[in-house]
Amino acid sequence: MRSEFEFIKRIKDTYGLGAVGDDCAVLPKDAEFDMVVTADMLVEDIDFRLEWTRAKFLGQKALAVSLSDVAAMGAEPKWAMLSIGVPERLWKSGFPDEFFDGYYRLSAKFSIEIVGGDVSRTTEKLVVDSIVAGDVPKGRAVLRSGAKPGDGIFVTGPLGGAAAGLVLLERGRRYSSTIPSWQKTLLLKQLQPLPSPFGVELRKMGATAMIDLSDGLSSDLAHLCEASRVGARISLENIPIERKISGLKLTDDEKFRLALSGGEDFELLFTIDPKKIPDDRNAQFHRIGTVTANPGIIELIAQDETTILEPKGYRHF
């Protein structure tokens, strides 16, 4: 079965949709700025389960995934639109109000104005569609297609935490005030994520390409390499792992599998000339590898052995 990425590539090629392919669309705004726009859909029992989460958590996540896309373009978010399809069973409860409260609180934190949207009824499942727009200086949006051989490959924070939170949920653990703090941390990374705050800063530093880590490092790095027509060489030991994962008592292979393919960490993966990163930021950003001139080939170095890393992140189809 073809994946959603193969479907998108087909319609791009068939209909000549050259502007499709980054985390956001880049549109002209005025003489000084371009506008970036993204849309993200969350569907009950596909992207979330109501028995696992809370309304306010889901509201925040719905906005966070869109804000992460805007950050990946090096843009500053400005406004949002929210559309929801709500089944009657939820409409009669306090769920919609709590959901919007979660969405609004995160919008206020990032000084984003909610300017509209739509509300409709669905027969069974909750459906959420979030649209966010931001501003970026004219011609300065950071695309996926700008990576060059020799650039360093970096991530903005530890990986695997959201996937570890999903492991806990699948084991029957639910968020509450009484569970251990390490479990709270992992569950909230899955249920109530925050977008990276570094997008604008990385654009100003001179990041050549960027993507947010939503599908998983292996998949998202492959997307970036495909768009830039380059390859990559990454070191397994340099991939930062969320420390709280240790509470799950996993093997090292299992931990790295979560970091490589788990997804939904919403950190930023970016490429840049390493000399452009200030010394005081070296501890904040984690270099995991180097861009190569071998298009589409991602080499994974582990204990002096090199293998080809295949994308194994989340796919809807």
C-alpha atoms as a PDB file:
ATOM      1  CA  MET A   1       0.000   0.000   0.000  1.00  0.00           C
ATOM      2  CA  ARG A   2       1.317   3.450  -0.872  1.00  0.00           C
ATOM      3  CA  SER A   3       2.072   5.831   1.983  1.00  0.00           C
ATOM      4  CA  GLU A   4       0.718   9.354   2.414  1.00  0.00           C
ATOM      5  CA  PHE A   5       4.152  10.642   1.409  1.00  0.00           C
ATOM      6  CA  GLU A   6       3.984   8.724  -1.875  1.00  0.00           C
ATOM      7  CA  PHE A   7       0.494  10.133  -2.478  1.00  0.00           C
ATOM      8  CA  ILE A   8       1.712  13.697  -1.877  1.00  0.00           C
ATOM      9  CA  LYS A   9       4.681  13.171  -4.219  1.00  0.00           C
ATOM     10  CA  ARG A  10       2.384  11.829  -6.931  1.00  0.00           C
ATOM     11  CA  ILE A  11       0.008  14.790  -6.840  1.00  0.00           C
ATOM     12  CA  LYS A  12       2.971  17.198  -6.702  1.00  0.00           C
ATOM     13  CA  ASP A  13       4.478  15.635  -9.818  1.00  0.00           C
ATOM     14  CA  THR A  14       1.176  15.168 -11.659  1.00  0.00           C
ATOM     15  CA  TYR A  15      -0.210  18.642 -11.112  1.00  0.00           C
ATOM     16  CA  GLY A  16       3.007  20.621 -10.877  1.00  0.00           C
ATOM     17  CA  LEU A  17       2.487  21.700  -7.256  1.00  0.00           C
ATOM     18  CA  GLY A  18       5.982  23.084  -6.757  1.00  0.00           C
ATOM     19  CA  ALA A  19       5.125  24.966  -3.557  1.00  0.00           C
ATOM     20  CA  VAL A  20       4.127  21.772  -1.705  1.00  0.00           C
ATOM     21  CA  GLY A  21       6.675  19.897   0.380  1.00  0.00           C
ATOM     22  CA  ASP A  22       7.840  21.927   3.367  1.00  0.00           C
ATOM     23  CA  ASP A  23       6.450  22.124   6.894  1.00  0.00           C
ATOM     24  CA  CYS A  24       4.535  25.267   5.808  1.00  0.00           C
ATOM     25  CA  ALA A  25       3.507  26.960   2.610  1.00  0.00           C
ATOM     26  CA  VAL A  26       5.454  30.180   1.996  1.00  0.00           C
ATOM     27  CA  LEU A  27       3.335  33.010   0.568  1.00  0.00           C
ATOM     28  CA  PRO A  28       4.249  36.616  -0.287  1.00  0.00           C
ATOM     29  CA  LYS A  29       2.918  39.090   2.273  1.00  0.00           C
ATOM     30  CA  ASP A  30       4.459  42.533   1.742  1.00  0.00           C
ATOM     31  CA  ALA A  31       7.791  44.170   0.915  1.00  0.00           C
ATOM     32  CA  GLU A  32       9.378  43.053   4.187  1.00  0.00           C
ATOM     33  CA  PHE A  33       7.821  39.704   5.075  1.00  0.00           C
ATOM     34  CA  ASP A  34       6.602  36.406   3.704  1.00  0.00           C
ATOM     35  CA  MET A  35       3.768  34.546   5.411  1.00  0.00           C
ATOM     36  CA  VAL A  36       4.064  30.852   6.287  1.00  0.00           C
ATOM     37  CA  VAL A  37       0.883  28.794   6.734  1.00  0.00           C
ATOM     38  CA  THR A  38       0.380  25.254   7.981  1.00  0.00           C
ATOM     39  CA  ALA A  39      -2.643  22.983   8.558  1.00  0.00           C
ATOM     40  CA  ASP A  40      -2.662  19.932  10.835  1.00  0.00           C
ATOM     41  CA  MET A  41      -5.424  17.413  11.398  1.00  0.00           C
ATOM     42  CA  LEU A  42      -5.914  15.159  14.429  1.00  0.00           C
ATOM     43  CA  VAL A  43      -8.434  12.314  14.206  1.00  0.00           C
ATOM     44  CA  GLU A  44      -9.786  10.343  17.170  1.00  0.00           C
ATOM     45  CA  ASP A  45      -8.464   6.772  17.428  1.00  0.00           C
ATOM     46  CA  ILE A  46      -5.846   7.524  14.753  1.00  0.00           C
ATOM     47  CA  ASP A  47      -3.840  10.393  16.242  1.00  0.00           C
ATOM     48  CA  PHE A  48      -5.160  10.193  19.804  1.00  0.00           C
ATOM     49  CA  ARG A  49      -7.442   8.190  22.082  1.00  0.00           C
ATOM     50  CA  LEU A  50      -9.820  10.006  24.370  1.00  0.00           C
ATOM     51  CA  GLU A  51      -9.448   7.391  27.105  1.00  0.00           C
ATOM     52  CA  TRP A  52      -5.726   8.192  27.202  1.00  0.00           C
ATOM     53  CA  THR A  53      -5.810  11.975  27.276  1.00  0.00           C
ATOM     54  CA  ARG A  54      -7.635  14.977  28.690  1.00  0.00           C
ATOM     55  CA  ALA A  55      -9.508  17.654  26.791  1.00  0.00           C
ATOM     56  CA  LYS A  56      -7.107  20.450  27.772  1.00  0.00           C
ATOM     57  CA  PHE A  57      -4.093  18.281  26.882  1.00  0.00           C
ATOM     58  CA  LEU A  58      -5.534  17.592  23.444  1.00  0.00           C
ATOM     59  CA  GLY A  59      -6.307  21.276  22.914  1.00  0.00           C
ATOM     60  CA  GLN A  60      -2.702  22.209  23.584  1.00  0.00           C
ATOM     61  CA  LYS A  61      -1.370  19.412  21.376  1.00  0.00           C
ATOM     62  CA  ALA A  62      -3.598  20.474  18.483  1.00  0.00           C
ATOM     63  CA  LEU A  63      -1.947  23.890  18.456  1.00  0.00           C
ATOM     64  CA  ALA A  64       1.558  22.673  19.365  1.00  0.00           C
ATOM     65  CA  VAL A  65       1.870  20.480  16.267  1.00  0.00           C
ATOM     66  CA  SER A  66       1.125  23.496  14.058  1.00  0.00           C
ATOM     67  CA  LEU A  67       3.431  25.809  15.990  1.00  0.00           C
ATOM     68  CA  SER A  68       6.190  23.238  15.525  1.00  0.00           C
ATOM     69  CA  ASP A  69       5.755  23.475  11.739  1.00  0.00           C
ATOM     70  CA  VAL A  70       6.033  27.267  11.875  1.00  0.00           C
ATOM     71  CA  ALA A  71       9.167  26.991  14.021  1.00  0.00           C
ATOM     72  CA  ALA A  72      10.696  24.639  11.445  1.00  0.00           C
ATOM     73  CA  MET A  73      10.463  27.449   8.869  1.00  0.00           C
ATOM     74  CA  GLY A  74      12.297  29.885  11.137  1.00  0.00           C
ATOM     75  CA  ALA A  75       9.137  31.987  11.382  1.00  0.00           C
ATOM     76  CA  GLU A  76       7.333  33.787  14.183  1.00  0.00           C
ATOM     77  CA  PRO A  77       3.703  32.607  14.649  1.00  0.00           C
ATOM     78  CA  LYS A  78       1.033  35.296  14.424  1.00  0.00           C
ATOM     79  CA  TRP A  79      -2.489  33.867  14.160  1.00  0.00           C
ATOM     80  CA  ALA A  80      -4.424  30.608  14.288  1.00  0.00           C
ATOM     81  CA  MET A  81      -7.731  29.150  13.106  1.00  0.00           C
ATOM     82  CA  LEU A  82      -9.371  26.136  14.731  1.00  0.00           C
ATOM     83  CA  SER A  83     -12.006  23.849  13.210  1.00  0.00           C
ATOM     84  CA  ILE A  84     -13.495  20.924  15.110  1.00  0.00           C
ATOM     85  CA  GLY A  85     -15.969  18.203  14.261  1.00  0.00           C
ATOM     86  CA  VAL A  86     -17.570  17.020  17.508  1.00  0.00           C
ATOM     87  CA  PRO A  87     -19.794  13.969  18.099  1.00  0.00           C
ATOM     88  CA  GLU A  88     -22.934  14.629  20.113  1.00  0.00           C
ATOM     89  CA  ARG A  89     -21.769  12.631  23.128  1.00  0.00           C
ATOM     90  CA  LEU A  90     -18.855  15.032  23.605  1.00  0.00           C
ATOM     91  CA  TRP A  91     -20.853  18.159  22.735  1.00  0.00           C
ATOM     92  CA  LYS A  92     -23.178  17.481  25.677  1.00  0.00           C
ATOM     93  CA  SER A  93     -20.223  17.264  28.066  1.00  0.00           C
ATOM     94  CA  GLY A  94     -17.726  19.906  29.065  1.00  0.00           C
ATOM     95  CA  PHE A  95     -15.180  18.527  26.616  1.00  0.00           C
ATOM     96  CA  PRO A  96     -15.337  21.267  23.924  1.00  0.00           C
ATOM     97  CA  ASP A  97     -14.879  24.051  26.485  1.00  0.00           C
ATOM     98  CA  GLU A  98     -11.926  22.335  28.173  1.00  0.00           C
ATOM     99  CA  PHE A  99     -10.400  21.547  24.785  1.00  0.00           C
ATOM    100  CA  PHE A 100     -10.571  25.180  23.699  1.00  0.00           C
ATOM    101  CA  ASP A 101      -9.125  26.285  27.027  1.00  0.00           C
ATOM    102  CA  GLY A 102      -6.033  24.160  26.356  1.00  0.00           C
ATOM    103  CA  TYR A 103      -5.748  25.544  22.824  1.00  0.00           C
ATOM    104  CA  TYR A 104      -6.215  29.133  24.009  1.00  0.00           C
ATOM    105  CA  ARG A 105      -3.712  28.914  26.862  1.00  0.00           C
ATOM    106  CA  LEU A 106      -0.933  27.862  24.496  1.00  0.00           C
ATOM    107  CA  SER A 107      -1.925  30.544  21.976  1.00  0.00           C
ATOM    108  CA  ALA A 108      -1.679  33.168  24.727  1.00  0.00           C
ATOM    109  CA  LYS A 109       1.759  31.864  25.739  1.00  0.00           C
ATOM    110  CA  PHE A 110       3.003  32.478  22.188  1.00  0.00           C
ATOM    111  CA  SER A 111       1.022  35.745  21.760  1.00  0.00           C
ATOM    112  CA  ILE A 112      -1.026  34.279  18.901  1.00  0.00           C
ATOM    113  CA  GLU A 113      -4.428  35.663  17.968  1.00  0.00           C
ATOM    114  CA  ILE A 114      -7.185  33.123  17.289  1.00  0.00           C
ATOM    115  CA  VAL A 115      -9.010  34.649  14.310  1.00  0.00           C
ATOM    116  CA  GLY A 116     -11.666  32.059  13.376  1.00  0.00           C
ATOM    117  CA  GLY A 117     -12.428  28.517  12.339  1.00  0.00           C
ATOM    118  CA  ASP A 118     -15.480  26.270  12.184  1.00  0.00           C
ATOM    119  CA  VAL A 119     -17.548  23.943  14.375  1.00  0.00           C
ATOM    120  CA  SER A 120     -19.506  20.992  13.010  1.00  0.00           C
ATOM    121  CA  ARG A 121     -20.999  17.715  14.190  1.00  0.00           C
ATOM    122  CA  THR A 122     -19.559  14.314  13.371  1.00  0.00           C
ATOM    123  CA  THR A 123     -21.328  10.973  13.686  1.00  0.00           C
ATOM    124  CA  GLU A 124     -18.792   9.172  15.883  1.00  0.00           C
ATOM    125  CA  LYS A 125     -15.238  10.531  16.120  1.00  0.00           C
ATOM    126  CA  LEU A 126     -13.718  13.853  17.142  1.00  0.00           C
ATOM    127  CA  VAL A 127     -11.811  15.583  14.327  1.00  0.00           C
ATOM    128  CA  VAL A 128      -9.569  18.628  14.854  1.00  0.00           C
ATOM    129  CA  ASP A 129      -8.023  20.871  12.200  1.00  0.00           C
ATOM    130  CA  SER A 130      -5.599  23.597  13.266  1.00  0.00           C
ATOM    131  CA  ILE A 131      -4.251  26.284  10.929  1.00  0.00           C
ATOM    132  CA  VAL A 132      -1.431  28.585  12.002  1.00  0.00           C
ATOM    133  CA  ALA A 133       0.302  31.394  10.109  1.00  0.00           C
ATOM    134  CA  GLY A 134       3.492  33.262  10.866  1.00  0.00           C
ATOM    135  CA  ASP A 135       5.858  35.887   9.512  1.00  0.00           C
ATOM    136  CA  VAL A 136       9.407  35.471   8.254  1.00  0.00           C
ATOM    137  CA  PRO A 137      11.655  38.079   6.605  1.00  0.00           C
ATOM    138  CA  LYS A 138      11.297  38.131   2.818  1.00  0.00           C
ATOM    139  CA  GLY A 139      13.056  35.175   1.204  1.00  0.00           C
ATOM    140  CA  ARG A 140      14.457  33.949   4.522  1.00  0.00           C
ATOM    141  CA  ALA A 141      12.175  31.000   5.318  1.00  0.00           C
ATOM    142  CA  VAL A 142      14.268  27.923   6.172  1.00  0.00           C
ATOM    143  CA  LEU A 143      13.276  25.186   3.739  1.00  0.00           C
ATOM    144  CA  ARG A 144      14.021  21.481   3.790  1.00  0.00           C
ATOM    145  CA  SER A 145      15.897  21.840   0.523  1.00  0.00           C
ATOM    146  CA  GLY A 146      18.922  23.924   1.549  1.00  0.00           C
ATOM    147  CA  ALA A 147      21.243  21.370   3.162  1.00  0.00           C
ATOM    148  CA  LYS A 148      24.733  21.159   1.637  1.00  0.00           C
ATOM    149  CA  PRO A 149      27.450  18.477   1.879  1.00  0.00           C
ATOM    150  CA  GLY A 150      29.658  19.271   4.836  1.00  0.00           C
ATOM    151  CA  ASP A 151      26.913  20.882   6.913  1.00  0.00           C
ATOM    152  CA  GLY A 152      26.526  19.554  10.429  1.00  0.00           C
ATOM    153  CA  ILE A 153      23.270  17.795  11.358  1.00  0.00           C
ATOM    154  CA  PHE A 154      21.802  18.843  14.696  1.00  0.00           C
ATOM    155  CA  VAL A 155      18.732  18.340  16.879  1.00  0.00           C
ATOM    156  CA  THR A 156      17.478  20.829  19.441  1.00  0.00           C
ATOM    157  CA  GLY A 157      16.784  18.420  22.290  1.00  0.00           C
ATOM    158  CA  PRO A 158      16.524  14.830  23.535  1.00  0.00           C
ATOM    159  CA  LEU A 159      14.493  12.311  21.572  1.00  0.00           C
ATOM    160  CA  GLY A 160      12.277   9.358  22.371  1.00  0.00           C
ATOM    161  CA  GLY A 161      10.315  10.896  25.236  1.00  0.00           C
ATOM    162  CA  ALA A 162       6.975  11.103  23.435  1.00  0.00           C
ATOM    163  CA  ALA A 163       7.314   7.555  22.121  1.00  0.00           C
ATOM    164  CA  ALA A 164       8.150   6.380  25.648  1.00  0.00           C
ATOM    165  CA  GLY A 165       4.999   8.121  26.856  1.00  0.00           C
ATOM    166  CA  LEU A 166       3.055   6.122  24.289  1.00  0.00           C
ATOM    167  CA  VAL A 167       4.631   2.930  25.629  1.00  0.00           C
ATOM    168  CA  LEU A 168       3.333   3.819  29.086  1.00  0.00           C
ATOM    169  CA  LEU A 169      -0.160   4.480  27.729  1.00  0.00           C
ATOM    170  CA  GLU A 170      -0.152   1.156  25.896  1.00  0.00           C
ATOM    171  CA  ARG A 171       0.842  -0.513  29.176  1.00  0.00           C
ATOM    172  CA  GLY A 172      -2.252   0.951  30.832  1.00  0.00           C
ATOM    173  CA  ARG A 173      -0.665   3.888  32.672  1.00  0.00           C
ATOM    174  CA  ARG A 174      -2.741   7.090  32.775  1.00  0.00           C
ATOM    175  CA  TYR A 175      -1.760  10.594  33.808  1.00  0.00           C
ATOM    176  CA  SER A 176      -2.599  11.540  37.397  1.00  0.00           C
ATOM    177  CA  SER A 177      -1.101  13.525  40.235  1.00  0.00           C
ATOM    178  CA  THR A 178      -0.101  10.344  42.056  1.00  0.00           C
ATOM    179  CA  ILE A 179       2.144   8.668  39.484  1.00  0.00           C
ATOM    180  CA  PRO A 180       5.960   8.988  39.684  1.00  0.00           C
ATOM    181  CA  SER A 181       7.445  12.202  38.268  1.00  0.00           C
ATOM    182  CA  TRP A 182       9.367  10.388  35.522  1.00  0.00           C
ATOM    183  CA  GLN A 183       6.113   8.901  34.254  1.00  0.00           C
ATOM    184  CA  LYS A 184       4.441  12.327  34.324  1.00  0.00           C
ATOM    185  CA  THR A 185       7.269  13.735  32.219  1.00  0.00           C
ATOM    186  CA  LEU A 186       6.999  11.033  29.574  1.00  0.00           C
ATOM    187  CA  LEU A 187       3.205  11.083  29.440  1.00  0.00           C
ATOM    188  CA  LEU A 188       3.093  14.857  29.054  1.00  0.00           C
ATOM    189  CA  LYS A 189       5.635  14.718  26.225  1.00  0.00           C
ATOM    190  CA  GLN A 190       3.129  12.532  24.407  1.00  0.00           C
ATOM    191  CA  LEU A 191      -0.136  14.102  25.552  1.00  0.00           C
ATOM    192  CA  GLN A 192       0.717  17.787  26.036  1.00  0.00           C
ATOM    193  CA  PRO A 193       3.813  18.626  23.961  1.00  0.00           C
ATOM    194  CA  LEU A 194       5.393  22.031  23.549  1.00  0.00           C
ATOM    195  CA  PRO A 195       6.883  23.303  20.280  1.00  0.00           C
ATOM    196  CA  SER A 196      10.557  24.159  20.096  1.00  0.00           C
ATOM    197  CA  PRO A 197      11.307  27.825  20.860  1.00  0.00           C
ATOM    198  CA  PHE A 198      14.460  27.864  18.701  1.00  0.00           C
ATOM    199  CA  GLY A 199      13.117  28.239  15.149  1.00  0.00           C
ATOM    200  CA  VAL A 200      13.684  31.977  14.749  1.00  0.00           C
ATOM    201  CA  GLU A 201      17.070  31.812  16.484  1.00  0.00           C
ATOM    202  CA  LEU A 202      18.268  29.013  14.185  1.00  0.00           C
ATOM    203  CA  ARG A 203      17.177  30.942  11.101  1.00  0.00           C
ATOM    204  CA  LYS A 204      19.174  33.943  12.307  1.00  0.00           C
ATOM    205  CA  MET A 205      22.208  31.710  12.957  1.00  0.00           C
ATOM    206  CA  GLY A 206      22.143  30.551   9.353  1.00  0.00           C
ATOM    207  CA  ALA A 207      20.470  27.122   9.395  1.00  0.00           C
ATOM    208  CA  THR A 208      20.511  25.822   5.812  1.00  0.00           C
ATOM    209  CA  ALA A 209      17.624  23.356   6.163  1.00  0.00           C
ATOM    210  CA  MET A 210      15.166  22.449   8.903  1.00  0.00           C
ATOM    211  CA  ILE A 211      12.260  20.111   9.684  1.00  0.00           C
ATOM    212  CA  ASP A 212      10.325  19.345  12.850  1.00  0.00           C
ATOM    213  CA  LEU A 213      10.567  15.861  14.322  1.00  0.00           C
ATOM    214  CA  SER A 214       6.968  14.715  14.160  1.00  0.00           C
ATOM    215  CA  ASP A 215       7.215  11.403  12.274  1.00  0.00           C
ATOM    216  CA  GLY A 216      10.518  10.255  13.777  1.00  0.00           C
ATOM    217  CA  LEU A 217      14.190  11.036  13.205  1.00  0.00           C
ATOM    218  CA  SER A 218      14.722   8.300  10.605  1.00  0.00           C
ATOM    219  CA  SER A 219      11.750   9.453   8.505  1.00  0.00           C
ATOM    220  CA  ASP A 220      12.180  13.194   8.921  1.00  0.00           C
ATOM    221  CA  LEU A 221      15.899  13.083   8.133  1.00  0.00           C
ATOM    222  CA  ALA A 222      15.018  11.129   5.001  1.00  0.00           C
ATOM    223  CA  HIS A 223      12.492  13.842   4.008  1.00  0.00           C
ATOM    224  CA  LEU A 224      15.133  16.537   4.476  1.00  0.00           C
ATOM    225  CA  CYS A 225      17.747  14.610   2.503  1.00  0.00           C
ATOM    226  CA  GLU A 226      15.301  13.942  -0.323  1.00  0.00           C
ATOM    227  CA  ALA A 227      14.332  17.614  -0.556  1.00  0.00           C
ATOM    228  CA  SER A 228      17.989  18.740  -0.495  1.00  0.00           C
ATOM    229  CA  ARG A 229      19.190  15.915  -2.765  1.00  0.00           C
ATOM    230  CA  VAL A 230      21.889  14.951  -0.289  1.00  0.00           C
ATOM    231  CA  GLY A 231      22.741  12.104   2.039  1.00  0.00           C
ATOM    232  CA  ALA A 232      23.680  11.931   5.698  1.00  0.00           C
ATOM    233  CA  ARG A 233      26.027  10.159   8.053  1.00  0.00           C
ATOM    234  CA  ILE A 234      24.900  10.047  11.679  1.00  0.00           C
ATOM    235  CA  SER A 235      26.385   8.531  14.828  1.00  0.00           C
ATOM    236  CA  LEU A 236      24.094   6.488  17.035  1.00  0.00           C
ATOM    237  CA  GLU A 237      26.033   7.378  20.179  1.00  0.00           C
ATOM    238  CA  ASN A 238      25.571  11.105  19.509  1.00  0.00           C
ATOM    239  CA  ILE A 239      21.765  10.928  19.381  1.00  0.00           C
ATOM    240  CA  PRO A 240      20.469  12.471  22.632  1.00  0.00           C
ATOM    241  CA  ILE A 241      18.026  10.202  24.472  1.00  0.00           C
ATOM    242  CA  GLU A 242      15.424  11.511  26.912  1.00  0.00           C
ATOM    243  CA  ARG A 243      16.864  10.601  30.333  1.00  0.00           C
ATOM    244  CA  LYS A 244      13.517   9.698  31.907  1.00  0.00           C
ATOM    245  CA  ILE A 245      13.233   6.746  29.496  1.00  0.00           C
ATOM    246  CA  SER A 246      15.527   4.848  31.870  1.00  0.00           C
ATOM    247  CA  GLY A 247      12.493   4.277  34.106  1.00  0.00           C
ATOM    248  CA  LEU A 248      11.045   1.906  31.510  1.00  0.00           C
ATOM    249  CA  LYS A 249      13.943  -0.546  31.961  1.00  0.00           C
ATOM    250  CA  LEU A 250      14.445  -0.919  28.209  1.00  0.00           C
ATOM    251  CA  THR A 251      17.483  -2.297  26.433  1.00  0.00           C
ATOM    252  CA  ASP A 252      19.795   0.148  24.655  1.00  0.00           C
ATOM    253  CA  ASP A 253      18.479  -1.075  21.302  1.00  0.00           C
ATOM    254  CA  GLU A 254      14.896  -0.398  22.411  1.00  0.00           C
ATOM    255  CA  LYS A 255      15.796   3.106  23.602  1.00  0.00           C
ATOM    256  CA  PHE A 256      17.483   3.976  20.321  1.00  0.00           C
ATOM    257  CA  ARG A 257      14.527   2.557  18.412  1.00  0.00           C
ATOM    258  CA  LEU A 258      12.242   5.001  20.222  1.00  0.00           C
ATOM    259  CA  ALA A 259      14.596   7.886  19.447  1.00  0.00           C
ATOM    260  CA  LEU A 260      15.039   6.961  15.784  1.00  0.00           C
ATOM    261  CA  SER A 261      11.483   6.057  14.858  1.00  0.00           C
ATOM    262  CA  GLY A 262       9.142   7.033  17.691  1.00  0.00           C
ATOM    263  CA  GLY A 263       8.169  10.533  16.559  1.00  0.00           C
ATOM    264  CA  GLU A 264       6.156  13.358  18.126  1.00  0.00           C
ATOM    265  CA  ASP A 265       9.088  14.841  20.034  1.00  0.00           C
ATOM    266  CA  PHE A 266       8.562  18.106  18.088  1.00  0.00           C
ATOM    267  CA  GLU A 267      12.213  19.017  18.411  1.00  0.00           C
ATOM    268  CA  LEU A 268      13.851  20.604  15.366  1.00  0.00           C
ATOM    269  CA  LEU A 269      16.260  18.774  13.068  1.00  0.00           C
ATOM    270  CA  PHE A 270      18.476  21.240  11.230  1.00  0.00           C
ATOM    271  CA  THR A 271      21.625  21.547   9.152  1.00  0.00           C
ATOM    272  CA  ILE A 272      24.153  24.337   9.460  1.00  0.00           C
ATOM    273  CA  ASP A 273      27.821  25.190   9.093  1.00  0.00           C
ATOM    274  CA  PRO A 274      28.993  24.203  12.622  1.00  0.00           C
ATOM    275  CA  LYS A 275      31.166  27.331  12.819  1.00  0.00           C
ATOM    276  CA  LYS A 276      28.005  29.450  12.870  1.00  0.00           C
ATOM    277  CA  ILE A 277      26.797  28.043  16.199  1.00  0.00           C
ATOM    278  CA  PRO A 278      27.958  30.279  19.078  1.00  0.00           C
ATOM    279  CA  ASP A 279      30.067  28.604  21.743  1.00  0.00           C
ATOM    280  CA  ASP A 280      27.387  29.223  24.373  1.00  0.00           C
ATOM    281  CA  ARG A 281      24.912  27.197  22.274  1.00  0.00           C
ATOM    282  CA  ASN A 282      27.023  24.099  21.762  1.00  0.00           C
ATOM    283  CA  ALA A 283      25.562  22.515  24.890  1.00  0.00           C
ATOM    284  CA  GLN A 284      21.975  23.322  23.825  1.00  0.00           C
ATOM    285  CA  PHE A 285      22.106  21.805  20.346  1.00  0.00           C
ATOM    286  CA  HIS A 286      23.237  18.246  19.713  1.00  0.00           C
ATOM    287  CA  ARG A 287      25.298  17.405  16.652  1.00  0.00           C
ATOM    288  CA  ILE A 288      24.385  13.937  15.439  1.00  0.00           C
ATOM    289  CA  GLY A 289      26.116  13.832  12.062  1.00  0.00           C
ATOM    290  CA  THR A 290      27.165  15.387   8.769  1.00  0.00           C
ATOM    291  CA  VAL A 291      25.484  15.994   5.425  1.00  0.00           C
ATOM    292  CA  THR A 292      27.069  13.963   2.602  1.00  0.00           C
ATOM    293  CA  ALA A 293      27.001  14.093  -1.185  1.00  0.00           C
ATOM    294  CA  ASN A 294      25.311  10.656  -1.501  1.00  0.00           C
ATOM    295  CA  PRO A 295      21.682  11.546  -2.340  1.00  0.00           C
ATOM    296  CA  GLY A 296      19.132   9.589  -0.321  1.00  0.00           C
ATOM    297  CA  ILE A 297      21.698   7.460   1.530  1.00  0.00           C
ATOM    298  CA  ILE A 298      21.620   7.778   5.327  1.00  0.00           C
ATOM    299  CA  GLU A 299      24.533   5.999   6.998  1.00  0.00           C
ATOM    300  CA  LEU A 300      24.195   5.051  10.656  1.00  0.00           C
ATOM    301  CA  ILE A 301      27.452   4.496  12.537  1.00  0.00           C
ATOM    302  CA  ALA A 302      27.197   2.321  15.657  1.00  0.00           C
ATOM    303  CA  GLN A 303      30.203   0.830  17.437  1.00  0.00           C
ATOM    304  CA  ASP A 304      32.438   1.343  14.373  1.00  0.00           C
ATOM    305  CA  GLU A 305      29.958  -0.447  12.117  1.00  0.00           C
ATOM    306  CA  THR A 306      28.092   1.377   9.354  1.00  0.00           C
ATOM    307  CA  THR A 307      24.619   0.396   8.193  1.00  0.00           C
ATOM    308  CA  ILE A 308      22.045   2.101   5.986  1.00  0.00           C
ATOM    309  CA  LEU A 309      19.254   3.653   8.040  1.00  0.00           C
ATOM    310  CA  GLU A 310      15.827   3.071   6.545  1.00  0.00           C
ATOM    311  CA  PRO A 311      12.949   5.439   7.445  1.00  0.00           C
ATOM    312  CA  LYS A 312      10.681   3.721   9.969  1.00  0.00           C
ATOM    313  CA  GLY A 313       8.710   6.598  11.468  1.00  0.00           C
ATOM    314  CA  TYR A 314       4.947   6.839  11.740  1.00  0.00           C
ATOM    315  CA  ARG A 315       2.842   6.467   8.581  1.00  0.00           C
ATOM    316  CA  HIS A 316      -0.937   6.736   8.302  1.00  0.00           C
ATOM    317  CA  PHE A 317      -1.072   4.245   5.431  1.00  0.00           C
END
